[in-house]
Protein backbone atom coordinates (compact mmCIF):
# COMPACT_ATOMS: atom_id res chain seq x y z
CA MET A 1 0.09 -0.06 0.10
CA ASN A 2 1.31 3.24 -0.90
CA ARG A 3 1.65 6.21 1.90
CA PHE A 4 -1.38 7.77 0.36
CA ALA A 5 -3.91 4.99 0.16
CA ARG A 6 -4.79 4.85 3.87
CA LYS A 7 -5.49 8.53 3.80
CA ILE A 8 -8.69 8.07 1.30
CA ASP A 9 -11.90 7.78 3.49
CA GLY A 10 -13.85 4.54 2.62
CA ASN A 11 -16.89 6.24 1.63
CA GLN A 12 -15.11 8.36 -0.96
CA GLY A 13 -15.96 6.00 -3.79
CA VAL A 14 -19.69 5.61 -3.13
CA ILE A 15 -19.97 9.25 -3.12
CA ILE A 16 -17.95 9.93 -6.46
CA ALA A 17 -20.25 7.10 -7.96
CA ALA A 18 -23.72 9.05 -6.50
CA LEU A 19 -22.25 12.49 -7.87
CA ARG A 20 -21.28 11.09 -11.26
CA LYS A 21 -24.87 9.67 -11.71
CA ILE A 22 -26.35 13.08 -11.11
CA GLY A 23 -24.12 14.61 -13.55
CA VAL A 24 -21.57 16.00 -11.64
CA GLN A 25 -18.15 15.53 -13.25
CA VAL A 26 -15.56 14.67 -10.71
CA ILE A 27 -11.85 14.71 -10.47
CA ASP A 28 -10.34 12.66 -7.36
CA MET A 29 -7.56 14.84 -5.94
CA SER A 30 -7.04 12.72 -2.48
CA ARG A 31 -3.54 11.90 -3.71
CA ALA A 32 -2.55 15.43 -4.34
CA GLY A 33 -1.39 16.09 -0.75
CA SER A 34 -0.67 19.42 0.63
CA GLY A 35 -4.09 20.16 2.03
CA MET A 36 -5.78 19.97 -1.30
CA THR A 37 -9.26 19.07 -1.12
CA ASP A 38 -10.42 15.29 -1.86
CA LEU A 39 -12.46 16.30 -4.83
CA ILE A 40 -12.88 18.68 -7.70
CA CYS A 41 -16.44 19.06 -8.89
CA PHE A 42 -18.05 20.58 -11.99
CA TYR A 43 -21.73 21.27 -12.10
CA ARG A 44 -23.78 23.33 -14.28
CA GLY A 45 -20.96 25.60 -15.23
CA PHE A 46 -19.26 25.90 -11.40
CA THR A 47 -16.29 24.55 -9.97
CA TYR A 48 -16.57 23.12 -6.34
CA PRO A 49 -13.70 21.89 -4.24
CA CYS A 50 -15.03 19.41 -1.89
CA GLU A 51 -13.87 17.54 0.94
CA VAL A 52 -14.67 13.81 1.97
CA LYS A 53 -14.56 12.86 5.72
CA ASN A 54 -15.92 9.16 6.76
CA GLY A 55 -19.25 10.02 8.86
CA LEU A 56 -18.63 6.50 10.81
CA LYS A 57 -15.49 7.67 12.30
CA THR A 58 -15.35 9.48 15.53
CA PRO A 59 -15.35 13.32 15.69
CA SER A 60 -11.54 13.38 16.23
CA GLN A 61 -10.89 11.24 13.53
CA LYS A 62 -12.90 13.48 11.10
CA CYS A 63 -10.79 16.40 11.99
CA LEU A 64 -9.17 18.36 9.11
CA THR A 65 -5.15 18.11 9.14
CA ALA A 66 -3.11 21.24 9.64
CA ASP A 67 -2.87 21.18 5.34
CA GLN A 68 -6.27 21.00 5.01
CA ILE A 69 -7.29 23.77 7.53
CA LYS A 70 -4.53 26.14 6.02
CA PHE A 71 -6.21 25.29 2.60
CA HIS A 72 -9.70 25.92 3.67
CA ASP A 73 -8.66 29.21 5.27
CA THR A 74 -6.99 30.33 1.90
CA ALA A 75 -10.24 29.28 0.18
CA ARG A 76 -12.34 31.18 2.78
CA ALA A 77 -10.30 34.18 2.27
CA ALA A 78 -11.02 34.21 -1.16
CA GLY A 79 -14.77 33.68 -0.65
CA VAL A 80 -15.10 30.06 -1.67
CA MET A 81 -16.52 27.82 0.88
CA ILE A 82 -15.61 23.91 0.76
CA PRO A 83 -18.36 21.64 1.60
CA ILE A 84 -17.31 18.44 3.76
CA PHE A 85 -19.34 15.19 2.74
CA GLU A 86 -19.60 12.53 5.30
CA SER A 87 -22.21 10.50 3.56
CA VAL A 88 -23.77 10.23 0.00
CA ASN A 89 -26.91 12.21 1.25
CA ASP A 90 -24.58 15.06 2.03
CA ALA A 91 -22.97 15.08 -1.31
CA LEU A 92 -26.59 14.82 -3.24
CA ARG A 93 -27.97 17.37 -0.83
CA PHE A 94 -25.47 19.89 -1.73
CA PHE A 95 -25.98 19.63 -5.15
CA GLY A 96 -29.85 19.70 -4.97
CA ALA A 97 -30.44 16.11 -5.82
CA PRO A 98 -32.99 14.04 -4.10
CA VAL A 99 -31.45 12.03 -1.22
CA GLU A 100 -31.40 8.04 -1.17
């Protein structure tokens, strides 16, 4: 296993599949490092950086890393909010699709 594989949340694949099913174009950025968001999503002419956390983990396990906090802060300073998806329903809801 490479050093990045353990950092990908177990629910990321199902979230990506659900988003693609509703027409969201998704690029998996989880291996990029340096606090980059897990996903870049393109939908209806807009670009959305999105974070995935496993909703089944304890609150302390769902915390953003120091690099992620820095990235989120930089985005927020530019007026960009980064949604954090803990489930397929979170992701579907964000894009205005019916939840499962």
